């Protein structure tokens, strides 16, 4: 392929990624706030989770990244919830977008990804 095509594709990818970093999260926050009641970018969520279940989540993530394990949301949830609870541990996550649906009393955490793949 001509070098100009490669440069053009690289520029486009860089531009789209940059646009996402400055705009998409804010747009999502405004829409979520309007439709659900409360939304905030880069929101710290503090929770308690079973130490055993946290270990199971880490095991699954490692298998997805370092083995040929294929993602299967339903199976992963079954594996996590089949582990006995055990001792609770305090954790903090930072949600790219945190949303509270006031009517449904539901909390949602989103991680907004760029089009470039990474291990997250």
PDB file of N, CA and C in Angstrom:
ATOM      1  N   UNK A   1       0.838  -1.183   0.000  1.00  0.00           N
ATOM      2  CA  UNK A   1       0.000   0.000   0.000  1.00  0.00           C
ATOM      3  C   UNK A   1       0.882   1.245   0.000  1.00  0.00           C
ATOM      4  N   UNK A   2       0.396   2.273  -0.624  1.00  0.00           N
ATOM      5  CA  UNK A   2       1.155   3.527  -0.606  1.00  0.00           C
ATOM      6  C   UNK A   2       1.236   4.094   0.809  1.00  0.00           C
ATOM      7  N   UNK A   3       2.354   4.748   1.090  1.00  0.00           N
ATOM      8  CA  UNK A   3       2.588   5.304   2.424  1.00  0.00           C
ATOM      9  C   UNK A   3       1.527   6.327   2.824  1.00  0.00           C
ATOM     10  N   UNK A   4       0.969   7.033   1.864  1.00  0.00           N
ATOM     11  CA  UNK A   4      -0.047   8.052   2.145  1.00  0.00           C
ATOM     12  C   UNK A   4      -1.289   7.432   2.785  1.00  0.00           C
ATOM     13  N   UNK A   5      -1.636   6.240   2.369  1.00  0.00           N
ATOM     14  CA  UNK A   5      -2.813   5.554   2.937  1.00  0.00           C
ATOM     15  C   UNK A   5      -2.550   5.210   4.393  1.00  0.00           C
ATOM     16  N   UNK A   6      -1.357   4.706   4.694  1.00  0.00           N
ATOM     17  CA  UNK A   6      -1.013   4.378   6.084  1.00  0.00           C
ATOM     18  C   UNK A   6      -1.043   5.627   6.955  1.00  0.00           C
ATOM     19  N   UNK A   7      -0.459   6.724   6.457  1.00  0.00           N
ATOM     20  CA  UNK A   7      -0.451   7.980   7.220  1.00  0.00           C
ATOM     21  C   UNK A   7      -1.878   8.479   7.449  1.00  0.00           C
ATOM     22  N   UNK A   8      -2.707   8.383   6.427  1.00  0.00           N
ATOM     23  CA  UNK A   8      -4.094   8.823   6.521  1.00  0.00           C
ATOM     24  C   UNK A   8      -4.859   7.996   7.564  1.00  0.00           C
ATOM     25  N   UNK A   9      -4.682   6.694   7.532  1.00  0.00           N
ATOM     26  CA  UNK A   9      -5.364   5.812   8.489  1.00  0.00           C
ATOM     27  C   UNK A   9      -4.899   6.098   9.913  1.00  0.00           C
ATOM     28  N   UNK A  10      -3.604   6.310  10.087  1.00  0.00           N
ATOM     29  CA  UNK A  10      -3.061   6.611  11.416  1.00  0.00           C
ATOM     30  C   UNK A  10      -3.612   7.944  11.936  1.00  0.00           C
ATOM     31  N   UNK A  11      -3.681   8.952  11.057  1.00  0.00           N
ATOM     32  CA  UNK A  11      -4.228  10.248  11.453  1.00  0.00           C
ATOM     33  C   UNK A  11      -5.693  10.106  11.868  1.00  0.00           C
ATOM     34  N   UNK A  12      -6.476   9.379  11.075  1.00  0.00           N
ATOM     35  CA  UNK A  12      -7.900   9.198  11.375  1.00  0.00           C
ATOM     36  C   UNK A  12      -8.077   8.540  12.735  1.00  0.00           C
ATOM     37  N   UNK A  13      -7.340   7.476  12.987  1.00  0.00           N
ATOM     38  CA  UNK A  13      -7.445   6.765  14.266  1.00  0.00           C
ATOM     39  C   UNK A  13      -7.069   7.687  15.425  1.00  0.00           C
ATOM     40  N   UNK A  14      -6.014   8.452  15.266  1.00  0.00           N
ATOM     41  CA  UNK A  14      -5.572   9.387  16.298  1.00  0.00           C
ATOM     42  C   UNK A  14      -6.633  10.456  16.547  1.00  0.00           C
ATOM     43  N   UNK A  15      -7.219  10.972  15.475  1.00  0.00           N
ATOM     44  CA  UNK A  15      -8.237  12.020  15.580  1.00  0.00           C
ATOM     45  C   UNK A  15      -9.472  11.491  16.300  1.00  0.00           C
ATOM     46  N   UNK A  16      -9.953  10.315  15.925  1.00  0.00           N
ATOM     47  CA  UNK A  16     -11.146   9.732  16.541  1.00  0.00           C
ATOM     48  C   UNK A  16     -10.895   9.453  18.014  1.00  0.00           C
ATOM     49  N   UNK A  17      -9.717   8.942  18.346  1.00  0.00           N
ATOM     50  CA  UNK A  17      -9.384   8.675  19.745  1.00  0.00           C
ATOM     51  C   UNK A  17      -9.357   9.973  20.542  1.00  0.00           C
ATOM     52  N   UNK A  18      -8.739  11.006  19.996  1.00  0.00           N
ATOM     53  CA  UNK A  18      -8.684  12.301  20.676  1.00  0.00           C
ATOM     54  C   UNK A  18     -10.070  12.882  20.880  1.00  0.00           C
ATOM     55  N   UNK A  19     -10.916  12.773  19.875  1.00  0.00           N
ATOM     56  CA  UNK A  19     -12.276  13.283  19.979  1.00  0.00           C
ATOM     57  C   UNK A  19     -13.013  12.570  21.104  1.00  0.00           C
ATOM     58  N   UNK A  20     -12.818  11.275  21.193  1.00  0.00           N
ATOM     59  CA  UNK A  20     -13.466  10.513  22.257  1.00  0.00           C
ATOM     60  C   UNK A  20     -13.025  10.969  23.628  1.00  0.00           C
ATOM     61  N   UNK A  21     -11.768  11.320  23.765  1.00  0.00           N
ATOM     62  CA  UNK A  21     -11.238  11.724  25.062  1.00  0.00           C
ATOM     63  C   UNK A  21     -11.810  13.066  25.510  1.00  0.00           C
ATOM     64  N   UNK A  22     -12.159  13.921  24.575  1.00  0.00           N
ATOM     65  CA  UNK A  22     -12.643  15.253  24.967  1.00  0.00           C
ATOM     66  C   UNK A  22     -14.151  15.399  24.876  1.00  0.00           C
ATOM     67  N   UNK A  23     -14.844  14.473  24.248  1.00  0.00           N
ATOM     68  CA  UNK A  23     -16.243  14.725  24.009  1.00  0.00           C
ATOM     69  C   UNK A  23     -17.244  13.654  24.383  1.00  0.00           C
ATOM     70  N   UNK A  24     -16.944  12.406  24.094  1.00  0.00           N
ATOM     71  CA  UNK A  24     -17.951  11.358  24.255  1.00  0.00           C
ATOM     72  C   UNK A  24     -18.400  11.188  25.702  1.00  0.00           C
ATOM     73  N   UNK A  25     -17.477  11.241  26.635  1.00  0.00           N
ATOM     74  CA  UNK A  25     -17.855  11.073  28.038  1.00  0.00           C
ATOM     75  C   UNK A  25     -18.786  12.190  28.494  1.00  0.00           C
ATOM     76  N   UNK A  26     -18.512  13.421  28.084  1.00  0.00           N
ATOM     77  CA  UNK A  26     -19.365  14.551  28.464  1.00  0.00           C
ATOM     78  C   UNK A  26     -20.747  14.420  27.829  1.00  0.00           C
ATOM     79  N   UNK A  27     -20.792  14.023  26.571  1.00  0.00           N
ATOM     80  CA  UNK A  27     -22.077  13.826  25.899  1.00  0.00           C
ATOM     81  C   UNK A  27     -22.875  12.740  26.625  1.00  0.00           C
ATOM     82  N   UNK A  28     -22.219  11.635  26.961  1.00  0.00           N
ATOM     83  CA  UNK A  28     -22.892  10.541  27.678  1.00  0.00           C
ATOM     84  C   UNK A  28     -23.399  11.016  29.036  1.00  0.00           C
ATOM     85  N   UNK A  29     -22.600  11.835  29.730  1.00  0.00           N
ATOM     86  CA  UNK A  29     -23.005  12.352  31.040  1.00  0.00           C
ATOM     87  C   UNK A  29     -24.266  13.216  30.927  1.00  0.00           C
ATOM     88  N   UNK A  30     -24.316  14.096  29.960  1.00  0.00           N
ATOM     89  CA  UNK A  30     -25.467  14.989  29.787  1.00  0.00           C
ATOM     90  C   UNK A  30     -26.735  14.184  29.468  1.00  0.00           C
ATOM     91  N   UNK A  31     -26.610  13.222  28.571  1.00  0.00           N
ATOM     92  CA  UNK A  31     -27.772  12.396  28.212  1.00  0.00           C
ATOM     93  C   UNK A  31     -28.236  11.570  29.413  1.00  0.00           C
ATOM     94  N   UNK A  32     -27.303  10.929  30.120  1.00  0.00           N
ATOM     95  CA  UNK A  32     -27.656  10.091  31.269  1.00  0.00           C
ATOM     96  C   UNK A  32     -28.315  10.915  32.368  1.00  0.00           C
ATOM     97  N   UNK A  33     -27.791  12.096  32.618  1.00  0.00           N
ATOM     98  CA  UNK A  33     -28.378  12.960  33.656  1.00  0.00           C
ATOM     99  C   UNK A  33     -29.822  13.316  33.286  1.00  0.00           C
ATOM    100  N   UNK A  34     -30.036  13.628  32.032  1.00  0.00           N
ATOM    101  CA  UNK A  34     -31.378  13.989  31.577  1.00  0.00           C
ATOM    102  C   UNK A  34     -32.345  12.803  31.676  1.00  0.00           C
ATOM    103  N   UNK A  35     -31.887  11.622  31.315  1.00  0.00           N
ATOM    104  CA  UNK A  35     -32.774  10.452  31.246  1.00  0.00           C
ATOM    105  C   UNK A  35     -32.872   9.669  32.550  1.00  0.00           C
ATOM    106  N   UNK A  36     -31.846   9.721  33.397  1.00  0.00           N
ATOM    107  CA  UNK A  36     -31.813   8.870  34.593  1.00  0.00           C
ATOM    108  C   UNK A  36     -31.844   9.626  35.911  1.00  0.00           C
ATOM    109  N   UNK A  37     -31.421  10.871  35.935  1.00  0.00           N
ATOM    110  CA  UNK A  37     -31.496  11.650  37.164  1.00  0.00           C
ATOM    111  C   UNK A  37     -30.164  12.144  37.688  1.00  0.00           C
ATOM    112  N   UNK A  38     -29.130  11.307  37.652  1.00  0.00           N
ATOM    113  CA  UNK A  38     -27.819  11.723  38.136  1.00  0.00           C
ATOM    114  C   UNK A  38     -26.748  11.031  37.311  1.00  0.00           C
ATOM    115  N   UNK A  39     -25.739  11.792  36.908  1.00  0.00           N
ATOM    116  CA  UNK A  39     -24.604  11.217  36.185  1.00  0.00           C
ATOM    117  C   UNK A  39     -23.374  12.052  36.492  1.00  0.00           C
ATOM    118  N   UNK A  40     -22.223  11.378  36.562  1.00  0.00           N
ATOM    119  CA  UNK A  40     -20.973  12.060  36.868  1.00  0.00           C
ATOM    120  C   UNK A  40     -19.831  11.303  36.199  1.00  0.00           C
ATOM    121  N   UNK A  41     -18.919  12.053  35.593  1.00  0.00           N
ATOM    122  CA  UNK A  41     -17.717  11.462  34.992  1.00  0.00           C
ATOM    123  C   UNK A  41     -16.660  11.206  36.068  1.00  0.00           C
ATOM    124  N   UNK A  42     -15.819  10.208  35.835  1.00  0.00           N
ATOM    125  CA  UNK A  42     -14.684   9.891  36.711  1.00  0.00           C
ATOM    126  C   UNK A  42     -15.098   9.872  38.184  1.00  0.00           C
ATOM    127  N   UNK A  43     -16.106   9.091  38.469  1.00  0.00           N
ATOM    128  CA  UNK A  43     -16.723   9.036  39.788  1.00  0.00           C
ATOM    129  C   UNK A  43     -16.143   7.867  40.590  1.00  0.00           C
ATOM    130  N   UNK A  44     -15.706   8.149  41.818  1.00  0.00           N
ATOM    131  CA  UNK A  44     -15.185   7.096  42.690  1.00  0.00           C
ATOM    132  C   UNK A  44     -16.339   6.344  43.328  1.00  0.00           C
ATOM    133  N   UNK A  45     -16.361   5.045  43.122  1.00  0.00           N
ATOM    134  CA  UNK A  45     -17.384   4.186  43.700  1.00  0.00           C
ATOM    135  C   UNK A  45     -16.711   3.310  44.748  1.00  0.00           C
ATOM    136  N   UNK A  46     -17.188   3.415  45.983  1.00  0.00           N
ATOM    137  CA  UNK A  46     -16.636   2.613  47.072  1.00  0.00           C
ATOM    138  C   UNK A  46     -17.649   1.540  47.427  1.00  0.00           C
ATOM    139  N   UNK A  47     -17.195   0.302  47.442  1.00  0.00           N
ATOM    140  CA  UNK A  47     -18.061  -0.840  47.712  1.00  0.00           C
ATOM    141  C   UNK A  47     -17.315  -1.877  48.536  1.00  0.00           C
ATOM    142  N   UNK A  48     -18.060  -2.875  48.968  1.00  0.00           N
ATOM    143  CA  UNK A  48     -17.480  -4.036  49.630  1.00  0.00           C
ATOM    144  C   UNK A  48     -17.786  -5.240  48.761  1.00  0.00           C
ATOM    145  N   UNK A  49     -16.804  -6.108  48.630  1.00  0.00           N
ATOM    146  CA  UNK A  49     -16.978  -7.331  47.854  1.00  0.00           C
ATOM    147  C   UNK A  49     -16.279  -8.463  48.590  1.00  0.00           C
ATOM    148  N   UNK A  50     -16.821  -9.629  48.425  1.00  0.00           N
ATOM    149  CA  UNK A  50     -16.221 -10.816  49.026  1.00  0.00           C
ATOM    150  C   UNK A  50     -14.796 -10.997  48.498  1.00  0.00           C
ATOM    151  N   UNK A  51     -13.869 -11.255  49.413  1.00  0.00           N
ATOM    152  CA  UNK A  51     -12.473 -11.494  49.045  1.00  0.00           C
ATOM    153  C   UNK A  51     -12.380 -12.676  48.070  1.00  0.00           C
ATOM    154  N   UNK A  52     -13.159 -13.722  48.328  1.00  0.00           N
ATOM    155  CA  UNK A  52     -13.132 -14.907  47.459  1.00  0.00           C
ATOM    156  C   UNK A  52     -13.635 -14.583  46.050  1.00  0.00           C
ATOM    157  N   UNK A  53     -14.689 -13.787  45.977  1.00  0.00           N
ATOM    158  CA  UNK A  53     -15.229 -13.427  44.669  1.00  0.00           C
ATOM    159  C   UNK A  53     -14.293 -12.475  43.927  1.00  0.00           C
ATOM    160  N   UNK A  54     -13.643 -11.593  44.652  1.00  0.00           N
ATOM    161  CA  UNK A  54     -12.667 -10.702  44.038  1.00  0.00           C
ATOM    162  C   UNK A  54     -11.513 -11.510  43.439  1.00  0.00           C
ATOM    163  N   UNK A  55     -11.069 -12.537  44.150  1.00  0.00           N
ATOM    164  CA  UNK A  55     -10.024 -13.424  43.625  1.00  0.00           C
ATOM    165  C   UNK A  55     -10.493 -14.145  42.370  1.00  0.00           C
ATOM    166  N   UNK A  56     -11.764 -14.574  42.355  1.00  0.00           N
ATOM    167  CA  UNK A  56     -12.301 -15.275  41.193  1.00  0.00           C
ATOM    168  C   UNK A  56     -12.338 -14.337  39.986  1.00  0.00           C
ATOM    169  N   UNK A  57     -12.722 -13.094  40.213  1.00  0.00           N
ATOM    170  CA  UNK A  57     -12.733 -12.103  39.128  1.00  0.00           C
ATOM    171  C   UNK A  57     -11.322 -11.926  38.571  1.00  0.00           C
ATOM    172  N   UNK A  58     -10.338 -11.828  39.459  1.00  0.00           N
ATOM    173  CA  UNK A  58      -8.936 -11.689  39.016  1.00  0.00           C
ATOM    174  C   UNK A  58      -8.494 -12.901  38.212  1.00  0.00           C
ATOM    175  N   UNK A  59      -8.885 -14.091  38.673  1.00  0.00           N
ATOM    176  CA  UNK A  59      -8.537 -15.318  37.945  1.00  0.00           C
ATOM    177  C   UNK A  59      -9.123 -15.299  36.530  1.00  0.00           C
ATOM    178  N   UNK A  60     -10.386 -14.919  36.428  1.00  0.00           N
ATOM    179  CA  UNK A  60     -11.051 -14.879  35.120  1.00  0.00           C
ATOM    180  C   UNK A  60     -10.371 -13.866  34.203  1.00  0.00           C
ATOM    181  N   UNK A  61     -10.069 -12.678  34.736  1.00  0.00           N
ATOM    182  CA  UNK A  61      -9.406 -11.654  33.921  1.00  0.00           C
ATOM    183  C   UNK A  61      -8.035 -12.128  33.440  1.00  0.00           C
ATOM    184  N   UNK A  62      -7.286 -12.789  34.321  1.00  0.00           N
ATOM    185  CA  UNK A  62      -5.976 -13.320  33.919  1.00  0.00           C
ATOM    186  C   UNK A  62      -6.114 -14.372  32.827  1.00  0.00           C
ATOM    187  N   UNK A  63      -7.106 -15.254  32.978  1.00  0.00           N
ATOM    188  CA  UNK A  63      -7.323 -16.286  31.959  1.00  0.00           C
ATOM    189  C   UNK A  63      -7.705 -15.658  30.620  1.00  0.00           C
ATOM    190  N   UNK A  64      -8.541 -14.622  30.652  1.00  0.00           N
ATOM    191  CA  UNK A  64      -8.940 -13.960  29.411  1.00  0.00           C
ATOM    192  C   UNK A  64      -7.739 -13.312  28.712  1.00  0.00           C
ATOM    193  N   UNK A  65      -6.830 -12.766  29.516  1.00  0.00           N
ATOM    194  CA  UNK A  65      -5.688 -12.067  28.924  1.00  0.00           C
ATOM    195  C   UNK A  65      -4.551 -13.007  28.536  1.00  0.00           C
ATOM    196  N   UNK A  66      -4.308 -14.047  29.326  1.00  0.00           N
ATOM    197  CA  UNK A  66      -3.098 -14.849  29.119  1.00  0.00           C
ATOM    198  C   UNK A  66      -3.340 -16.263  28.620  1.00  0.00           C
ATOM    199  N   UNK A  67      -4.581 -16.678  28.483  1.00  0.00           N
ATOM    200  CA  UNK A  67      -4.853 -18.013  27.942  1.00  0.00           C
ATOM    201  C   UNK A  67      -5.816 -17.858  26.773  1.00  0.00           C
ATOM    202  N   UNK A  68      -6.269 -18.962  26.269  1.00  0.00           N
ATOM    203  CA  UNK A  68      -7.183 -18.923  25.124  1.00  0.00           C
ATOM    204  C   UNK A  68      -8.647 -18.875  25.564  1.00  0.00           C
ATOM    205  N   UNK A  69      -8.881 -18.522  26.813  1.00  0.00           N
ATOM    206  CA  UNK A  69     -10.255 -18.410  27.296  1.00  0.00           C
ATOM    207  C   UNK A  69     -10.991 -17.339  26.496  1.00  0.00           C
ATOM    208  N   UNK A  70     -12.207 -17.652  26.108  1.00  0.00           N
ATOM    209  CA  UNK A  70     -13.053 -16.719  25.362  1.00  0.00           C
ATOM    210  C   UNK A  70     -14.041 -16.051  26.320  1.00  0.00           C
ATOM    211  N   UNK A  71     -14.330 -14.775  26.109  1.00  0.00           N
ATOM    212  CA  UNK A  71     -15.302 -14.088  26.962  1.00  0.00           C
ATOM    213  C   UNK A  71     -16.682 -14.737  26.876  1.00  0.00           C
ATOM    214  N   UNK A  72     -17.315 -14.891  28.030  1.00  0.00           N
ATOM    215  CA  UNK A  72     -18.672 -15.431  28.114  1.00  0.00           C
ATOM    216  C   UNK A  72     -19.295 -14.860  29.380  1.00  0.00           C
ATOM    217  N   UNK A  73     -19.976 -13.731  29.233  1.00  0.00           N
ATOM    218  CA  UNK A  73     -20.491 -12.959  30.368  1.00  0.00           C
ATOM    219  C   UNK A  73     -21.339 -13.825  31.305  1.00  0.00           C
ATOM    220  N   UNK A  74     -22.263 -14.595  30.747  1.00  0.00           N
ATOM    221  CA  UNK A  74     -23.158 -15.423  31.569  1.00  0.00           C
ATOM    222  C   UNK A  74     -22.361 -16.456  32.378  1.00  0.00           C
ATOM    223  N   UNK A  75     -21.444 -17.134  31.718  1.00  0.00           N
ATOM    224  CA  UNK A  75     -20.624 -18.145  32.397  1.00  0.00           C
ATOM    225  C   UNK A  75     -19.756 -17.500  33.481  1.00  0.00           C
ATOM    226  N   UNK A  76     -19.181 -16.332  33.172  1.00  0.00           N
ATOM    227  CA  UNK A  76     -18.321 -15.647  34.144  1.00  0.00           C
ATOM    228  C   UNK A  76     -19.115 -15.248  35.384  1.00  0.00           C
ATOM    229  N   UNK A  77     -20.318 -14.720  35.192  1.00  0.00           N
ATOM    230  CA  UNK A  77     -21.155 -14.360  36.343  1.00  0.00           C
ATOM    231  C   UNK A  77     -21.505 -15.591  37.175  1.00  0.00           C
ATOM    232  N   UNK A  78     -21.838 -16.690  36.505  1.00  0.00           N
ATOM    233  CA  UNK A  78     -22.144 -17.933  37.223  1.00  0.00           C
ATOM    234  C   UNK A  78     -20.946 -18.383  38.059  1.00  0.00           C
ATOM    235  N   UNK A  79     -19.755 -18.305  37.482  1.00  0.00           N
ATOM    236  CA  UNK A  79     -18.540 -18.696  38.209  1.00  0.00           C
ATOM    237  C   UNK A  79     -18.335 -17.811  39.440  1.00  0.00           C
ATOM    238  N   UNK A  80     -18.508 -16.515  39.264  1.00  0.00           N
ATOM    239  CA  UNK A  80     -18.284 -15.572  40.367  1.00  0.00           C
ATOM    240  C   UNK A  80     -19.285 -15.803  41.484  1.00  0.00           C
ATOM    241  N   UNK A  81     -20.568 -15.948  41.128  1.00  0.00           N
ATOM    242  CA  UNK A  81     -21.602 -16.102  42.152  1.00  0.00           C
ATOM    243  C   UNK A  81     -21.637 -17.498  42.762  1.00  0.00           C
ATOM    244  N   UNK A  82     -20.946 -18.459  42.155  1.00  0.00           N
ATOM    245  CA  UNK A  82     -20.889 -19.801  42.739  1.00  0.00           C
ATOM    246  C   UNK A  82     -19.840 -19.890  43.855  1.00  0.00           C
ATOM    247  N   UNK A  83     -18.948 -18.912  43.922  1.00  0.00           N
ATOM    248  CA  UNK A  83     -17.899 -18.891  44.949  1.00  0.00           C
ATOM    249  C   UNK A  83     -18.513 -18.414  46.266  1.00  0.00           C
ATOM    250  N   UNK A  84     -18.156 -19.080  47.360  1.00  0.00           N
ATOM    251  CA  UNK A  84     -18.687 -18.649  48.657  1.00  0.00           C
ATOM    252  C   UNK A  84     -18.215 -17.235  48.970  1.00  0.00           C
ATOM    253  N   UNK A  85     -19.078 -16.497  49.653  1.00  0.00           N
ATOM    254  CA  UNK A  85     -18.793 -15.077  49.884  1.00  0.00           C
ATOM    255  C   UNK A  85     -17.538 -14.851  50.711  1.00  0.00           C
ATOM    256  N   UNK A  86     -17.491 -15.367  51.912  1.00  0.00           N
ATOM    257  CA  UNK A  86     -16.318 -15.153  52.765  1.00  0.00           C
ATOM    258  C   UNK A  86     -16.220 -13.726  53.273  1.00  0.00           C
ATOM    259  N   UNK A  87     -15.037 -13.364  53.683  1.00  0.00           N
ATOM    260  CA  UNK A  87     -14.771 -12.045  54.271  1.00  0.00           C
ATOM    261  C   UNK A  87     -14.906 -10.937  53.223  1.00  0.00           C
ATOM    262  N   UNK A  88     -15.514  -9.806  53.650  1.00  0.00           N
ATOM    263  CA  UNK A  88     -15.686  -8.677  52.736  1.00  0.00           C
ATOM    264  C   UNK A  88     -14.452  -7.786  52.736  1.00  0.00           C
ATOM    265  N   UNK A  89     -14.208  -7.187  51.576  1.00  0.00           N
ATOM    266  CA  UNK A  89     -13.058  -6.318  51.383  1.00  0.00           C
ATOM    267  C   UNK A  89     -13.545  -5.006  50.776  1.00  0.00           C
ATOM    268  N   UNK A  90     -13.011  -3.882  51.250  1.00  0.00           N
ATOM    269  CA  UNK A  90     -13.346  -2.577  50.688  1.00  0.00           C
ATOM    270  C   UNK A  90     -12.583  -2.377  49.389  1.00  0.00           C
ATOM    271  N   UNK A  91     -13.297  -1.927  48.364  1.00  0.00           N
ATOM    272  CA  UNK A  91     -12.649  -1.612  47.089  1.00  0.00           C
ATOM    273  C   UNK A  91     -13.139  -0.253  46.605  1.00  0.00           C
ATOM    274  N   UNK A  92     -12.345   0.375  45.773  1.00  0.00           N
ATOM    275  CA  UNK A  92     -12.730   1.624  45.120  1.00  0.00           C
ATOM    276  C   UNK A  92     -12.436   1.483  43.643  1.00  0.00           C
ATOM    277  N   UNK A  93     -13.432   1.809  42.834  1.00  0.00           N
ATOM    278  CA  UNK A  93     -13.217   1.855  41.386  1.00  0.00           C
ATOM    279  C   UNK A  93     -13.537   3.266  40.922  1.00  0.00           C
ATOM    280  N   UNK A  94     -12.963   3.653  39.807  1.00  0.00           N
ATOM    281  CA  UNK A  94     -13.300   4.940  39.205  1.00  0.00           C
ATOM    282  C   UNK A  94     -14.043   4.637  37.913  1.00  0.00           C
ATOM    283  N   UNK A  95     -15.324   4.992  37.899  1.00  0.00           N
ATOM    284  CA  UNK A  95     -16.152   4.766  36.717  1.00  0.00           C
ATOM    285  C   UNK A  95     -15.972   5.947  35.764  1.00  0.00           C
ATOM    286  N   UNK A  96     -15.719   5.659  34.486  1.00  0.00           N
ATOM    287  CA  UNK A  96     -15.654   6.739  33.502  1.00  0.00           C
ATOM    288  C   UNK A  96     -16.964   7.526  33.530  1.00  0.00           C
ATOM    289  N   UNK A  97     -18.053   6.792  33.689  1.00  0.00           N
ATOM    290  CA  UNK A  97     -19.371   7.416  33.820  1.00  0.00           C
ATOM    291  C   UNK A  97     -20.172   6.631  34.852  1.00  0.00           C
ATOM    292  N   UNK A  98     -20.629   7.340  35.873  1.00  0.00           N
ATOM    293  CA  UNK A  98     -21.463   6.758  36.929  1.00  0.00           C
ATOM    294  C   UNK A  98     -22.863   7.348  36.777  1.00  0.00           C
ATOM    295  N   UNK A  99     -23.872   6.471  36.795  1.00  0.00           N
ATOM    296  CA  UNK A  99     -25.246   6.910  36.588  1.00  0.00           C
ATOM    297  C   UNK A  99     -26.129   6.316  37.668  1.00  0.00           C
ATOM    298  N   UNK A 100     -27.000   7.152  38.231  1.00  0.00           N
ATOM    299  CA  UNK A 100     -28.029   6.664  39.144  1.00  0.00           C
ATOM    300  C   UNK A 100     -29.382   6.915  38.510  1.00  0.00           C
ATOM    301  N   UNK A 101     -30.135   5.841  38.354  1.00  0.00           N
ATOM    302  CA  UNK A 101     -31.499   5.961  37.866  1.00  0.00           C
ATOM    303  C   UNK A 101     -32.363   6.177  39.098  1.00  0.00           C
ATOM    304  N   UNK A 102     -32.813   7.404  39.289  1.00  0.00           N
ATOM    305  CA  UNK A 102     -33.550   7.786  40.485  1.00  0.00           C
ATOM    306  C   UNK A 102     -34.839   6.982  40.626  1.00  0.00           C
ATOM    307  N   UNK A 103     -35.575   6.804  39.539  1.00  0.00           N
ATOM    308  CA  UNK A 103     -36.859   6.093  39.582  1.00  0.00           C
ATOM    309  C   UNK A 103     -36.685   4.613  39.882  1.00  0.00           C
ATOM    310  N   UNK A 104     -35.737   3.975  39.221  1.00  0.00           N
ATOM    311  CA  UNK A 104     -35.532   2.533  39.387  1.00  0.00           C
ATOM    312  C   UNK A 104     -34.635   2.194  40.574  1.00  0.00           C
ATOM    313  N   UNK A 105     -34.034   3.215  41.189  1.00  0.00           N
ATOM    314  CA  UNK A 105     -33.075   3.021  42.277  1.00  0.00           C
ATOM    315  C   UNK A 105     -31.984   2.037  41.847  1.00  0.00           C
ATOM    316  N   UNK A 106     -31.399   2.363  40.704  1.00  0.00           N
ATOM    317  CA  UNK A 106     -30.396   1.513  40.085  1.00  0.00           C
ATOM    318  C   UNK A 106     -29.131   2.322  39.862  1.00  0.00           C
ATOM    319  N   UNK A 107     -27.975   1.713  40.122  1.00  0.00           N
ATOM    320  CA  UNK A 107     -26.690   2.370  39.889  1.00  0.00           C
ATOM    321  C   UNK A 107     -25.967   1.645  38.760  1.00  0.00           C
ATOM    322  N   UNK A 108     -25.383   2.430  37.867  1.00  0.00           N
ATOM    323  CA  UNK A 108     -24.675   1.866  36.725  1.00  0.00           C
ATOM    324  C   UNK A 108     -23.293   2.495  36.626  1.00  0.00           C
ATOM    325  N   UNK A 109     -22.289   1.682  36.342  1.00  0.00           N
ATOM    326  CA  UNK A 109     -20.919   2.165  36.148  1.00  0.00           C
ATOM    327  C   UNK A 109     -20.479   1.776  34.742  1.00  0.00           C
ATOM    328  N   UNK A 110     -19.916   2.732  34.013  1.00  0.00           N
ATOM    329  CA  UNK A 110     -19.471   2.487  32.652  1.00  0.00           C
ATOM    330  C   UNK A 110     -17.998   2.812  32.509  1.00  0.00           C
ATOM    331  N   UNK A 111     -17.334   2.008  31.717  1.00  0.00           N
ATOM    332  CA  UNK A 111     -15.978   2.313  31.286  1.00  0.00           C
ATOM    333  C   UNK A 111     -16.070   2.581  29.794  1.00  0.00           C
ATOM    334  N   UNK A 112     -15.730   3.777  29.398  1.00  0.00           N
ATOM    335  CA  UNK A 112     -15.847   4.167  27.995  1.00  0.00           C
ATOM    336  C   UNK A 112     -14.504   3.941  27.333  1.00  0.00           C
ATOM    337  N   UNK A 113     -14.510   3.134  26.284  1.00  0.00           N
ATOM    338  CA  UNK A 113     -13.275   2.698  25.635  1.00  0.00           C
ATOM    339  C   UNK A 113     -13.047   3.433  24.331  1.00  0.00           C
ATOM    340  N   UNK A 114     -11.787   3.566  23.990  1.00  0.00           N
ATOM    341  CA  UNK A 114     -11.413   4.092  22.680  1.00  0.00           C
ATOM    342  C   UNK A 114     -11.503   2.947  21.679  1.00  0.00           C
ATOM    343  N   UNK A 115     -11.436   3.254  20.396  1.00  0.00           N
ATOM    344  CA  UNK A 115     -11.507   2.179  19.406  1.00  0.00           C
ATOM    345  C   UNK A 115     -10.245   1.315  19.362  1.00  0.00           C
ATOM    346  N   UNK A 116      -9.189   1.744  20.048  1.00  0.00           N
ATOM    347  CA  UNK A 116      -7.962   0.945  20.045  1.00  0.00           C
ATOM    348  C   UNK A 116      -8.043  -0.121  21.133  1.00  0.00           C
ATOM    349  N   UNK A 117      -7.748  -1.372  20.813  1.00  0.00           N
ATOM    350  CA  UNK A 117      -7.856  -2.435  21.815  1.00  0.00           C
ATOM    351  C   UNK A 117      -6.760  -2.351  22.858  1.00  0.00           C
ATOM    352  N   UNK A 118      -7.100  -2.724  24.091  1.00  0.00           N
ATOM    353  CA  UNK A 118      -6.119  -2.883  25.159  1.00  0.00           C
ATOM    354  C   UNK A 118      -6.645  -3.910  26.149  1.00  0.00           C
ATOM    355  N   UNK A 119      -5.892  -4.256  27.151  1.00  0.00           N
ATOM    356  CA  UNK A 119      -6.282  -5.344  28.045  1.00  0.00           C
ATOM    357  C   UNK A 119      -7.420  -4.994  28.983  1.00  0.00           C
ATOM    358  N   UNK A 120      -7.738  -3.721  29.174  1.00  0.00           N
ATOM    359  CA  UNK A 120      -8.893  -3.371  30.026  1.00  0.00           C
ATOM    360  C   UNK A 120     -10.174  -3.914  29.410  1.00  0.00           C
TER     361      UNK A 120
END
